[in-house]
Amino acid sequence: MSNAVKYTPDGVSSGAEAVEYCTVRHQENRDYYACIIDRKMPEMNGYDAARVIRSMDRAYCKRIPIIAMTANAFAEDVQAARAVGMNEHIAKPLDLKALAKTLRKWLIK
C-alpha cells in the first residue's frame, strides 16, 4: 500500500486568474493546498497576485502556501518573493525533486 498523496493541479494563464482561483473558488468549496505562481505572468505579475491574496480578509488567504516560480534565482529574487508574502521560491528550469521537497515541506504535516 502506498503512502502517496495525490493532488490535482489547476492551471491559470494570468496573475489575475491565480487570485481568482485562490480566493473566489475557495468559497465555492474548492480548496487549494498551495499556489505556485510564476513571477512573470500577464495582467498581474506573480508578486502582485501574492500581495492581493495575502491582503484578503480571509484566514485561508493568510495561510495558504504561496510558492514563487521564476527563472530569477538570485538572493534578491528570493527576498522579493518573501517580502510580498510568498513562502518559498523555486527556480526554473523546474527541478521536480526540488518541487516535490518544497511541496512536502508545506503540505505534509
C-alpha atoms as a PDB file:
ATOM      1  CA  MET A   1       0.000   0.000   0.000  1.00  0.00           C
ATOM      2  CA  SER A   2       1.356   3.401  -0.959  1.00  0.00           C
ATOM      3  CA  ASN A   3       1.520   6.424   1.331  1.00  0.00           C
ATOM      4  CA  ALA A   4       1.432   8.737  -1.692  1.00  0.00           C
ATOM      5  CA  VAL A   5      -0.907  11.685  -1.563  1.00  0.00           C
ATOM      6  CA  LYS A   6      -2.456  12.743  -4.841  1.00  0.00           C
ATOM      7  CA  TYR A   7      -3.222  16.332  -5.698  1.00  0.00           C
ATOM      8  CA  THR A   8      -4.877  17.601  -8.852  1.00  0.00           C
ATOM      9  CA  PRO A   9      -3.397  20.845 -10.166  1.00  0.00           C
ATOM     10  CA  ASP A  10      -5.317  23.612 -11.883  1.00  0.00           C
ATOM     11  CA  GLY A  11      -3.539  25.863 -14.323  1.00  0.00           C
ATOM     12  CA  VAL A  12      -4.128  29.539 -14.921  1.00  0.00           C
ATOM     13  CA  SER A  13      -2.834  31.899 -17.581  1.00  0.00           C
ATOM     14  CA  SER A  14      -2.516  35.129 -15.598  1.00  0.00           C
ATOM     15  CA  GLY A  15      -1.887  36.538 -12.166  1.00  0.00           C
ATOM     16  CA  ALA A  16      -5.489  37.759 -12.041  1.00  0.00           C
ATOM     17  CA  GLU A  17      -6.712  34.195 -12.576  1.00  0.00           C
ATOM     18  CA  ALA A  18      -4.393  32.984  -9.819  1.00  0.00           C
ATOM     19  CA  VAL A  19      -6.049  35.429  -7.435  1.00  0.00           C
ATOM     20  CA  GLU A  20      -9.498  34.264  -8.532  1.00  0.00           C
ATOM     21  CA  TYR A  21      -8.648  30.604  -8.072  1.00  0.00           C
ATOM     22  CA  CYS A  22      -7.032  31.110  -4.676  1.00  0.00           C
ATOM     23  CA  THR A  23      -9.794  33.348  -3.330  1.00  0.00           C
ATOM     24  CA  VAL A  24     -13.125  33.112  -5.131  1.00  0.00           C
ATOM     25  CA  ARG A  25     -13.066  29.420  -5.916  1.00  0.00           C
ATOM     26  CA  HIS A  26     -12.118  28.641  -2.342  1.00  0.00           C
ATOM     27  CA  GLN A  27     -15.529  29.963  -1.362  1.00  0.00           C
ATOM     28  CA  GLU A  28     -17.068  27.507  -3.832  1.00  0.00           C
ATOM     29  CA  ASN A  29     -15.710  24.672  -1.662  1.00  0.00           C
ATOM     30  CA  ARG A  30     -12.761  24.160  -3.965  1.00  0.00           C
ATOM     31  CA  ASP A  31      -9.884  24.189  -1.538  1.00  0.00           C
ATOM     32  CA  TYR A  32      -6.367  24.700  -2.748  1.00  0.00           C
ATOM     33  CA  TYR A  33      -3.470  23.454  -0.714  1.00  0.00           C
ATOM     34  CA  ALA A  34      -0.856  25.702  -2.312  1.00  0.00           C
ATOM     35  CA  CYS A  35      -0.405  28.298  -5.046  1.00  0.00           C
ATOM     36  CA  ILE A  36       2.617  28.065  -7.304  1.00  0.00           C
ATOM     37  CA  ILE A  37       2.841  31.397  -9.050  1.00  0.00           C
ATOM     38  CA  ASP A  38       5.261  32.436 -11.764  1.00  0.00           C
ATOM     39  CA  ARG A  39       6.760  35.851 -11.173  1.00  0.00           C
ATOM     40  CA  LYS A  40       6.171  36.933 -14.769  1.00  0.00           C
ATOM     41  CA  MET A  41       2.502  36.476 -15.636  1.00  0.00           C
ATOM     42  CA  PRO A  42       0.192  38.507 -17.895  1.00  0.00           C
ATOM     43  CA  GLU A  43      -2.322  41.008 -16.479  1.00  0.00           C
ATOM     44  CA  MET A  44      -0.859  40.858 -12.986  1.00  0.00           C
ATOM     45  CA  ASN A  45       2.597  39.579 -12.122  1.00  0.00           C
ATOM     46  CA  GLY A  46       3.084  36.887  -9.503  1.00  0.00           C
ATOM     47  CA  TYR A  47       4.310  39.285  -6.847  1.00  0.00           C
ATOM     48  CA  ASP A  48       1.220  41.487  -7.224  1.00  0.00           C
ATOM     49  CA  ALA A  49      -1.019  38.411  -7.191  1.00  0.00           C
ATOM     50  CA  ALA A  50       0.600  37.249  -3.937  1.00  0.00           C
ATOM     51  CA  ARG A  51       0.106  40.698  -2.406  1.00  0.00           C
ATOM     52  CA  VAL A  52      -3.603  40.645  -3.316  1.00  0.00           C
ATOM     53  CA  ILE A  53      -4.104  37.129  -1.970  1.00  0.00           C
ATOM     54  CA  ARG A  54      -2.359  37.969   1.311  1.00  0.00           C
ATOM     55  CA  SER A  55      -4.323  41.215   1.687  1.00  0.00           C
ATOM     56  CA  MET A  56      -7.710  39.483   1.538  1.00  0.00           C
ATOM     57  CA  ASP A  57      -9.629  39.472   4.791  1.00  0.00           C
ATOM     58  CA  ARG A  58      -9.859  35.678   4.939  1.00  0.00           C
ATOM     59  CA  ALA A  59      -7.843  33.334   7.129  1.00  0.00           C
ATOM     60  CA  TYR A  60      -7.429  30.964   4.171  1.00  0.00           C
ATOM     61  CA  CYS A  61      -5.653  33.687   2.173  1.00  0.00           C
ATOM     62  CA  LYS A  62      -3.293  34.384   5.039  1.00  0.00           C
ATOM     63  CA  ARG A  63      -2.231  30.762   5.484  1.00  0.00           C
ATOM     64  CA  ILE A  64      -2.163  29.143   2.012  1.00  0.00           C
ATOM     65  CA  PRO A  65       1.438  28.442   0.991  1.00  0.00           C
ATOM     66  CA  ILE A  66       2.392  30.603  -1.995  1.00  0.00           C
ATOM     67  CA  ILE A  67       5.438  29.420  -3.882  1.00  0.00           C
ATOM     68  CA  ALA A  68       7.233  31.680  -6.346  1.00  0.00           C
ATOM     69  CA  MET A  69       8.441  30.024  -9.512  1.00  0.00           C
ATOM     70  CA  THR A  70      10.856  32.103 -11.537  1.00  0.00           C
ATOM     71  CA  ALA A  71      13.898  31.972 -13.751  1.00  0.00           C
ATOM     72  CA  ASN A  72      15.430  34.602 -11.483  1.00  0.00           C
ATOM     73  CA  ALA A  73      17.231  32.741  -8.732  1.00  0.00           C
ATOM     74  CA  PHE A  74      19.367  35.418  -7.132  1.00  0.00           C
ATOM     75  CA  ALA A  75      19.207  36.165  -3.404  1.00  0.00           C
ATOM     76  CA  GLU A  76      17.365  39.430  -4.096  1.00  0.00           C
ATOM     77  CA  ASP A  77      14.664  37.494  -6.003  1.00  0.00           C
ATOM     78  CA  VAL A  78      14.146  35.168  -3.061  1.00  0.00           C
ATOM     79  CA  GLN A  79      13.972  38.186  -0.754  1.00  0.00           C
ATOM     80  CA  ALA A  80      11.480  39.967  -3.059  1.00  0.00           C
ATOM     81  CA  ALA A  81       9.239  36.889  -3.065  1.00  0.00           C
ATOM     82  CA  ARG A  82       9.263  36.704   0.726  1.00  0.00           C
ATOM     83  CA  ALA A  83       8.632  40.453   1.009  1.00  0.00           C
ATOM     84  CA  VAL A  84       5.261  40.096  -0.773  1.00  0.00           C
ATOM     85  CA  GLY A  85       4.166  37.183   1.404  1.00  0.00           C
ATOM     86  CA  MET A  86       5.355  34.205  -0.601  1.00  0.00           C
ATOM     87  CA  ASN A  87       6.542  31.279   1.483  1.00  0.00           C
ATOM     88  CA  GLU A  88       9.118  29.773  -0.851  1.00  0.00           C
ATOM     89  CA  HIS A  89      10.998  30.411  -4.065  1.00  0.00           C
ATOM     90  CA  ILE A  90      11.848  27.735  -6.620  1.00  0.00           C
ATOM     91  CA  ALA A  91      13.918  28.392  -9.704  1.00  0.00           C
ATOM     92  CA  LYS A  92      13.298  27.490 -13.319  1.00  0.00           C
ATOM     93  CA  PRO A  93      14.057  25.372 -15.129  1.00  0.00           C
ATOM     94  CA  LEU A  94      11.980  23.374 -12.716  1.00  0.00           C
ATOM     95  CA  ASP A  95      13.707  20.604 -10.797  1.00  0.00           C
ATOM     96  CA  LEU A  96      10.950  18.111  -9.975  1.00  0.00           C
ATOM     97  CA  LYS A  97      12.801  16.778  -6.927  1.00  0.00           C
ATOM     98  CA  ALA A  98      13.156  20.298  -5.536  1.00  0.00           C
ATOM     99  CA  LEU A  99       9.471  20.975  -6.246  1.00  0.00           C
ATOM    100  CA  ALA A 100       8.451  17.740  -4.505  1.00  0.00           C
ATOM    101  CA  LYS A 101      10.615  18.604  -1.492  1.00  0.00           C
ATOM    102  CA  THR A 102       9.093  22.096  -1.296  1.00  0.00           C
ATOM    103  CA  LEU A 103       5.544  20.765  -1.560  1.00  0.00           C
ATOM    104  CA  ARG A 104       6.203  18.135   1.107  1.00  0.00           C
ATOM    105  CA  LYS A 105       7.539  20.846   3.402  1.00  0.00           C
ATOM    106  CA  TRP A 106       4.333  22.892   3.123  1.00  0.00           C
ATOM    107  CA  LEU A 107       1.665  20.240   2.571  1.00  0.00           C
ATOM    108  CA  ILE A 108       2.511  17.266   4.724  1.00  0.00           C
ATOM    109  CA  LYS A 109       2.061  17.939   8.414  1.00  0.00           C
END
